[in-house]
N, C-alpha and C. Protein backbone atom coordinates (compact mmCIF):
# COMPACT_ATOMS: atom_id res chain seq x y z
N MET A 1 0.84 -1.17 0.00
CA MET A 1 0.00 0.00 0.00
C MET A 1 0.89 1.24 0.00
N LYS A 2 0.46 2.23 -0.74
CA LYS A 2 1.13 3.53 -0.76
C LYS A 2 0.09 4.58 -0.43
N SER A 3 0.52 5.66 0.22
CA SER A 3 -0.43 6.74 0.53
C SER A 3 0.29 8.07 0.50
N TRP A 4 -0.47 9.13 0.29
CA TRP A 4 0.06 10.48 0.21
C TRP A 4 -0.87 11.44 0.95
N ALA A 5 -0.32 12.36 1.69
CA ALA A 5 -1.09 13.42 2.34
C ALA A 5 -1.11 14.59 1.36
N LEU A 6 -2.12 14.64 0.50
CA LEU A 6 -2.14 15.57 -0.63
C LEU A 6 -2.12 17.04 -0.24
N THR A 7 -2.59 17.37 0.94
CA THR A 7 -2.59 18.77 1.37
C THR A 7 -1.25 19.18 1.98
N GLU A 8 -0.36 18.21 2.22
CA GLU A 8 0.91 18.50 2.88
C GLU A 8 2.12 18.46 1.95
N ILE A 9 1.97 17.96 0.74
CA ILE A 9 3.10 17.84 -0.19
C ILE A 9 3.43 19.22 -0.74
N GLU A 10 4.71 19.57 -0.69
CA GLU A 10 5.14 20.88 -1.18
C GLU A 10 5.21 20.88 -2.71
N THR A 11 4.71 21.95 -3.30
CA THR A 11 4.74 22.12 -4.76
C THR A 11 5.16 23.57 -5.05
N PRO A 12 6.40 23.92 -4.73
CA PRO A 12 6.85 25.30 -4.94
C PRO A 12 6.86 25.65 -6.43
N GLY A 13 6.53 26.87 -6.74
CA GLY A 13 6.55 27.30 -8.14
C GLY A 13 5.26 27.06 -8.88
N GLY A 14 4.22 26.67 -8.16
CA GLY A 14 2.92 26.49 -8.80
C GLY A 14 2.96 25.43 -9.89
N SER A 15 2.32 25.70 -11.00
CA SER A 15 2.18 24.71 -12.07
C SER A 15 3.51 24.35 -12.72
N ARG A 16 4.55 25.13 -12.45
CA ARG A 16 5.87 24.82 -13.01
C ARG A 16 6.59 23.72 -12.25
N SER A 17 6.04 23.30 -11.10
CA SER A 17 6.68 22.26 -10.29
C SER A 17 5.68 21.18 -9.88
N PRO A 18 5.14 20.46 -10.85
CA PRO A 18 4.21 19.40 -10.48
C PRO A 18 4.93 18.29 -9.72
N ALA A 19 4.23 17.64 -8.81
CA ALA A 19 4.79 16.53 -8.04
C ALA A 19 4.23 15.23 -8.61
N VAL A 20 5.10 14.44 -9.25
CA VAL A 20 4.68 13.13 -9.76
C VAL A 20 4.69 12.17 -8.57
N LEU A 21 3.50 11.70 -8.19
CA LEU A 21 3.37 10.84 -7.03
C LEU A 21 3.57 9.38 -7.37
N LEU A 22 3.12 8.99 -8.55
CA LEU A 22 3.18 7.60 -8.98
C LEU A 22 3.19 7.57 -10.49
N SER A 23 3.98 6.68 -11.07
CA SER A 23 4.01 6.57 -12.52
C SER A 23 4.37 5.14 -12.89
N GLY A 24 3.43 4.44 -13.49
CA GLY A 24 3.64 3.06 -13.91
C GLY A 24 2.62 2.70 -14.97
N ASP A 25 2.67 1.47 -15.45
CA ASP A 25 1.75 1.04 -16.50
C ASP A 25 0.28 1.26 -16.13
N GLU A 26 -0.03 1.12 -14.85
CA GLU A 26 -1.42 1.25 -14.41
C GLU A 26 -1.94 2.68 -14.50
N GLY A 27 -1.03 3.64 -14.39
CA GLY A 27 -1.45 5.03 -14.46
C GLY A 27 -0.39 5.97 -13.91
N ARG A 28 -0.72 7.23 -13.91
CA ARG A 28 0.20 8.27 -13.42
C ARG A 28 -0.62 9.23 -12.57
N ALA A 29 -0.09 9.59 -11.41
CA ALA A 29 -0.74 10.55 -10.51
C ALA A 29 0.18 11.76 -10.34
N VAL A 30 -0.36 12.94 -10.61
CA VAL A 30 0.42 14.18 -10.56
C VAL A 30 -0.34 15.21 -9.73
N LEU A 31 0.33 15.77 -8.75
CA LEU A 31 -0.24 16.83 -7.91
C LEU A 31 0.26 18.17 -8.41
N ILE A 32 -0.65 19.08 -8.65
CA ILE A 32 -0.28 20.41 -9.15
C ILE A 32 -0.92 21.48 -8.28
N GLU A 33 -0.13 22.46 -7.92
CA GLU A 33 -0.61 23.64 -7.21
C GLU A 33 -0.70 24.76 -8.23
N LEU A 34 -1.89 25.28 -8.44
CA LEU A 34 -2.06 26.45 -9.29
C LEU A 34 -2.05 27.68 -8.39
N GLU A 35 -1.09 28.55 -8.59
CA GLU A 35 -1.07 29.79 -7.83
C GLU A 35 -2.15 30.71 -8.39
N ALA A 36 -2.53 31.71 -7.63
CA ALA A 36 -3.56 32.65 -8.07
C ALA A 36 -3.23 33.17 -9.46
N GLY A 37 -4.17 33.03 -10.39
CA GLY A 37 -3.99 33.52 -11.75
C GLY A 37 -3.31 32.54 -12.69
N GLN A 38 -2.82 31.42 -12.19
CA GLN A 38 -2.17 30.45 -13.07
C GLN A 38 -3.20 29.58 -13.79
N GLU A 39 -2.74 28.97 -14.89
CA GLU A 39 -3.62 28.07 -15.63
C GLU A 39 -2.82 26.98 -16.32
N LEU A 40 -3.50 25.89 -16.57
CA LEU A 40 -3.00 24.86 -17.48
C LEU A 40 -3.72 25.17 -18.77
N GLY A 41 -3.05 25.86 -19.69
CA GLY A 41 -3.68 26.34 -20.91
C GLY A 41 -4.26 25.21 -21.75
N ASP A 42 -4.89 25.57 -22.84
CA ASP A 42 -5.55 24.64 -23.74
C ASP A 42 -4.60 23.49 -24.07
N HIS A 43 -5.02 22.26 -23.73
CA HIS A 43 -4.17 21.10 -23.95
C HIS A 43 -5.01 19.83 -24.07
N GLN A 44 -4.37 18.77 -24.47
CA GLN A 44 -4.99 17.45 -24.51
C GLN A 44 -3.91 16.41 -24.26
N VAL A 45 -4.33 15.23 -23.82
CA VAL A 45 -3.41 14.12 -23.61
C VAL A 45 -4.00 12.86 -24.23
N LYS A 46 -3.19 11.85 -24.40
CA LYS A 46 -3.62 10.60 -25.04
C LYS A 46 -4.31 9.65 -24.07
N GLU A 47 -4.25 9.95 -22.79
CA GLU A 47 -4.81 9.08 -21.77
C GLU A 47 -6.18 9.59 -21.31
N ASN A 48 -6.94 8.71 -20.63
CA ASN A 48 -8.08 9.19 -19.86
C ASN A 48 -7.49 10.04 -18.74
N MET A 49 -8.13 11.14 -18.42
CA MET A 49 -7.61 11.97 -17.34
C MET A 49 -8.73 12.28 -16.36
N PHE A 50 -8.42 12.14 -15.10
CA PHE A 50 -9.34 12.48 -14.03
C PHE A 50 -8.70 13.62 -13.24
N LEU A 51 -9.47 14.66 -12.95
CA LEU A 51 -8.99 15.81 -12.18
C LEU A 51 -9.80 15.86 -10.89
N VAL A 52 -9.10 15.91 -9.76
CA VAL A 52 -9.75 16.02 -8.46
C VAL A 52 -9.29 17.33 -7.84
N VAL A 53 -10.24 18.19 -7.47
CA VAL A 53 -9.90 19.43 -6.78
C VAL A 53 -9.70 19.10 -5.30
N ILE A 54 -8.48 19.32 -4.82
CA ILE A 54 -8.15 19.04 -3.42
C ILE A 54 -8.43 20.25 -2.54
N ASP A 55 -8.05 21.43 -3.03
CA ASP A 55 -8.19 22.66 -2.26
C ASP A 55 -8.36 23.82 -3.24
N GLY A 56 -9.07 24.86 -2.84
CA GLY A 56 -9.26 26.03 -3.69
C GLY A 56 -10.36 25.78 -4.72
N SER A 57 -10.31 26.56 -5.80
CA SER A 57 -11.31 26.41 -6.84
C SER A 57 -10.67 26.61 -8.21
N VAL A 58 -11.25 25.94 -9.20
CA VAL A 58 -10.76 26.03 -10.57
C VAL A 58 -11.92 26.30 -11.52
N HIS A 59 -11.58 26.85 -12.67
CA HIS A 59 -12.53 27.01 -13.77
C HIS A 59 -12.02 26.12 -14.89
N ILE A 60 -12.89 25.25 -15.39
CA ILE A 60 -12.52 24.29 -16.42
C ILE A 60 -13.31 24.58 -17.68
N GLU A 61 -12.63 24.63 -18.81
CA GLU A 61 -13.25 24.78 -20.12
C GLU A 61 -12.92 23.52 -20.91
N ALA A 62 -13.93 22.90 -21.51
CA ALA A 62 -13.73 21.72 -22.35
C ALA A 62 -14.79 21.74 -23.44
N ALA A 63 -14.33 21.84 -24.70
CA ALA A 63 -15.25 21.92 -25.85
C ALA A 63 -16.24 23.06 -25.61
N THR A 64 -17.52 22.76 -25.55
CA THR A 64 -18.54 23.80 -25.36
C THR A 64 -19.01 23.89 -23.92
N GLU A 65 -18.35 23.17 -23.01
CA GLU A 65 -18.77 23.15 -21.61
C GLU A 65 -17.78 23.90 -20.74
N SER A 66 -18.28 24.43 -19.63
CA SER A 66 -17.41 25.03 -18.62
C SER A 66 -17.96 24.67 -17.25
N LEU A 67 -17.06 24.68 -16.26
CA LEU A 67 -17.43 24.28 -14.92
C LEU A 67 -16.57 25.03 -13.93
N ASP A 68 -17.19 25.56 -12.88
CA ASP A 68 -16.46 26.10 -11.73
C ASP A 68 -16.51 25.02 -10.67
N ALA A 69 -15.34 24.57 -10.21
CA ALA A 69 -15.27 23.41 -9.33
C ALA A 69 -14.48 23.71 -8.07
N GLY A 70 -14.99 23.24 -6.94
CA GLY A 70 -14.34 23.42 -5.66
C GLY A 70 -13.86 22.10 -5.08
N PRO A 71 -13.39 22.12 -3.84
CA PRO A 71 -12.84 20.93 -3.19
C PRO A 71 -13.82 19.75 -3.22
N GLY A 72 -13.26 18.60 -3.54
CA GLY A 72 -14.07 17.39 -3.58
C GLY A 72 -14.66 17.09 -4.95
N THR A 73 -14.46 17.96 -5.93
CA THR A 73 -15.01 17.74 -7.26
C THR A 73 -14.10 16.82 -8.06
N LEU A 74 -14.71 15.86 -8.74
CA LEU A 74 -14.00 14.95 -9.65
C LEU A 74 -14.53 15.20 -11.06
N VAL A 75 -13.62 15.39 -12.01
CA VAL A 75 -13.98 15.61 -13.41
C VAL A 75 -13.22 14.61 -14.25
N ALA A 76 -13.90 13.96 -15.21
CA ALA A 76 -13.28 12.97 -16.08
C ALA A 76 -13.23 13.51 -17.52
N PHE A 77 -12.11 13.26 -18.18
CA PHE A 77 -11.92 13.66 -19.57
C PHE A 77 -11.55 12.44 -20.41
N GLU A 78 -12.02 12.42 -21.64
CA GLU A 78 -11.68 11.36 -22.57
C GLU A 78 -10.30 11.61 -23.17
N PRO A 79 -9.65 10.56 -23.69
CA PRO A 79 -8.38 10.79 -24.40
C PRO A 79 -8.59 11.79 -25.55
N ASP A 80 -7.63 12.67 -25.75
CA ASP A 80 -7.64 13.70 -26.79
C ASP A 80 -8.69 14.79 -26.61
N GLU A 81 -9.42 14.79 -25.50
CA GLU A 81 -10.39 15.87 -25.24
C GLU A 81 -9.62 17.13 -24.84
N ARG A 82 -9.85 18.21 -25.55
CA ARG A 82 -9.15 19.47 -25.27
C ARG A 82 -9.79 20.13 -24.04
N ARG A 83 -8.94 20.76 -23.21
CA ARG A 83 -9.43 21.46 -22.02
C ARG A 83 -8.41 22.46 -21.54
N SER A 84 -8.88 23.37 -20.69
CA SER A 84 -7.99 24.28 -19.97
C SER A 84 -8.52 24.36 -18.54
N VAL A 85 -7.59 24.58 -17.62
CA VAL A 85 -7.92 24.66 -16.19
C VAL A 85 -7.24 25.90 -15.65
N SER A 86 -8.01 26.77 -15.01
CA SER A 86 -7.43 27.99 -14.45
C SER A 86 -7.96 28.22 -13.03
N SER A 87 -7.25 29.06 -12.30
CA SER A 87 -7.68 29.39 -10.94
C SER A 87 -7.38 30.86 -10.66
N GLU A 88 -8.41 31.60 -10.32
CA GLU A 88 -8.22 33.01 -9.97
C GLU A 88 -7.57 33.17 -8.60
N SER A 89 -7.96 32.30 -7.66
CA SER A 89 -7.50 32.47 -6.28
C SER A 89 -6.50 31.40 -5.83
N GLY A 90 -6.20 30.43 -6.68
CA GLY A 90 -5.27 29.36 -6.34
C GLY A 90 -6.01 28.07 -6.04
N ALA A 91 -5.38 26.96 -6.35
CA ALA A 91 -5.99 25.65 -6.12
C ALA A 91 -4.93 24.57 -6.13
N ARG A 92 -5.27 23.45 -5.54
CA ARG A 92 -4.43 22.25 -5.56
C ARG A 92 -5.28 21.17 -6.22
N VAL A 93 -4.73 20.57 -7.29
CA VAL A 93 -5.48 19.55 -8.02
C VAL A 93 -4.62 18.29 -8.19
N LEU A 94 -5.30 17.16 -8.20
CA LEU A 94 -4.66 15.88 -8.47
C LEU A 94 -5.11 15.43 -9.85
N LEU A 95 -4.15 15.11 -10.72
CA LEU A 95 -4.44 14.61 -12.06
C LEU A 95 -4.07 13.13 -12.10
N LEU A 96 -5.00 12.31 -12.59
CA LEU A 96 -4.78 10.88 -12.73
C LEU A 96 -4.91 10.53 -14.20
N PHE A 97 -3.88 9.91 -14.76
CA PHE A 97 -3.86 9.52 -16.18
C PHE A 97 -3.87 8.00 -16.27
N THR A 98 -4.75 7.46 -17.12
CA THR A 98 -4.80 6.00 -17.25
C THR A 98 -5.20 5.59 -18.65
N PRO A 99 -4.59 4.54 -19.21
CA PRO A 99 -3.35 3.94 -18.72
C PRO A 99 -2.19 4.89 -18.96
N TRP A 100 -1.02 4.53 -18.45
CA TRP A 100 0.14 5.40 -18.66
C TRP A 100 1.26 4.60 -19.29
N PRO A 101 1.82 5.03 -20.37
CA PRO A 101 1.27 6.05 -21.26
C PRO A 101 0.17 5.46 -22.12
N GLY A 102 -0.73 6.31 -22.58
CA GLY A 102 -1.86 5.87 -23.40
C GLY A 102 -1.47 5.62 -24.84
N ALA A 103 -2.34 4.92 -25.55
CA ALA A 103 -2.11 4.63 -26.97
C ALA A 103 -1.95 5.93 -27.74
N GLY A 104 -0.92 5.99 -28.58
CA GLY A 104 -0.66 7.19 -29.35
C GLY A 104 0.30 8.15 -28.67
N HIS A 105 0.55 7.96 -27.39
CA HIS A 105 1.52 8.77 -26.66
C HIS A 105 2.90 8.28 -27.09
N TYR A 106 3.81 9.17 -27.37
CA TYR A 106 5.11 8.75 -27.91
C TYR A 106 5.80 7.72 -27.04
N ARG A 107 5.65 7.81 -25.73
CA ARG A 107 6.29 6.84 -24.84
C ARG A 107 5.64 5.47 -24.96
N ALA A 108 4.35 5.42 -25.26
CA ALA A 108 3.67 4.14 -25.45
C ALA A 108 4.19 3.46 -26.70
N GLU A 109 4.43 4.24 -27.74
CA GLU A 109 4.95 3.68 -28.99
C GLU A 109 6.37 3.14 -28.78
N GLU A 110 7.21 3.87 -28.04
CA GLU A 110 8.57 3.41 -27.75
C GLU A 110 8.54 2.12 -26.94
N LYS A 111 7.62 2.04 -25.97
CA LYS A 111 7.50 0.86 -25.13
C LYS A 111 7.06 -0.35 -25.96
N ALA A 112 6.09 -0.17 -26.85
CA ALA A 112 5.61 -1.26 -27.70
C ALA A 112 6.72 -1.76 -28.62
N ASP A 113 7.51 -0.84 -29.17
CA ASP A 113 8.63 -1.21 -30.04
C ASP A 113 9.66 -2.03 -29.26
N ALA A 114 9.99 -1.61 -28.06
CA ALA A 114 10.98 -2.31 -27.24
C ALA A 114 10.48 -3.71 -26.88
N GLU A 115 9.19 -3.84 -26.52
CA GLU A 115 8.63 -5.15 -26.18
C GLU A 115 8.64 -6.08 -27.39
N SER A 116 8.33 -5.53 -28.56
CA SER A 116 8.32 -6.32 -29.79
C SER A 116 9.73 -6.82 -30.12
N GLN A 117 10.72 -5.96 -29.96
CA GLN A 117 12.11 -6.35 -30.23
C GLN A 117 12.58 -7.41 -29.25
N ALA A 118 12.14 -7.32 -27.99
CA ALA A 118 12.55 -8.28 -26.98
C ALA A 118 11.98 -9.67 -27.26
N ARG A 119 10.79 -9.72 -27.88
CA ARG A 119 10.17 -11.00 -28.19
C ARG A 119 10.78 -11.67 -29.42
N GLY A 120 11.42 -10.92 -30.25
CA GLY A 120 11.94 -11.64 -31.38
C GLY A 120 12.53 -10.87 -32.44
């Protein structure tokens, strides 16, 4: 068993210093502190992504939808779904990516090539 006290982990530098808590085939967990006014600009990833608001509040834009979310909110995104996350007053969010890396992610392709070469 592994555990993390998400409100106690230091993340100096806001979004520029994410804390990777776990990273393996099963998934990746990343803790990010958004300082007041910071954002994770328009982006997408190849994995399913789950965002959990730990502290503070965020504004999320995805396609034609938007959401203001506070502590305890869980939001799920599909692979390749574009989104942005911002916080006017600051927030701490946990991002969960599954699987890691996802199909089409450059690291997934490298891993598949290496496994194929190892088999024959």
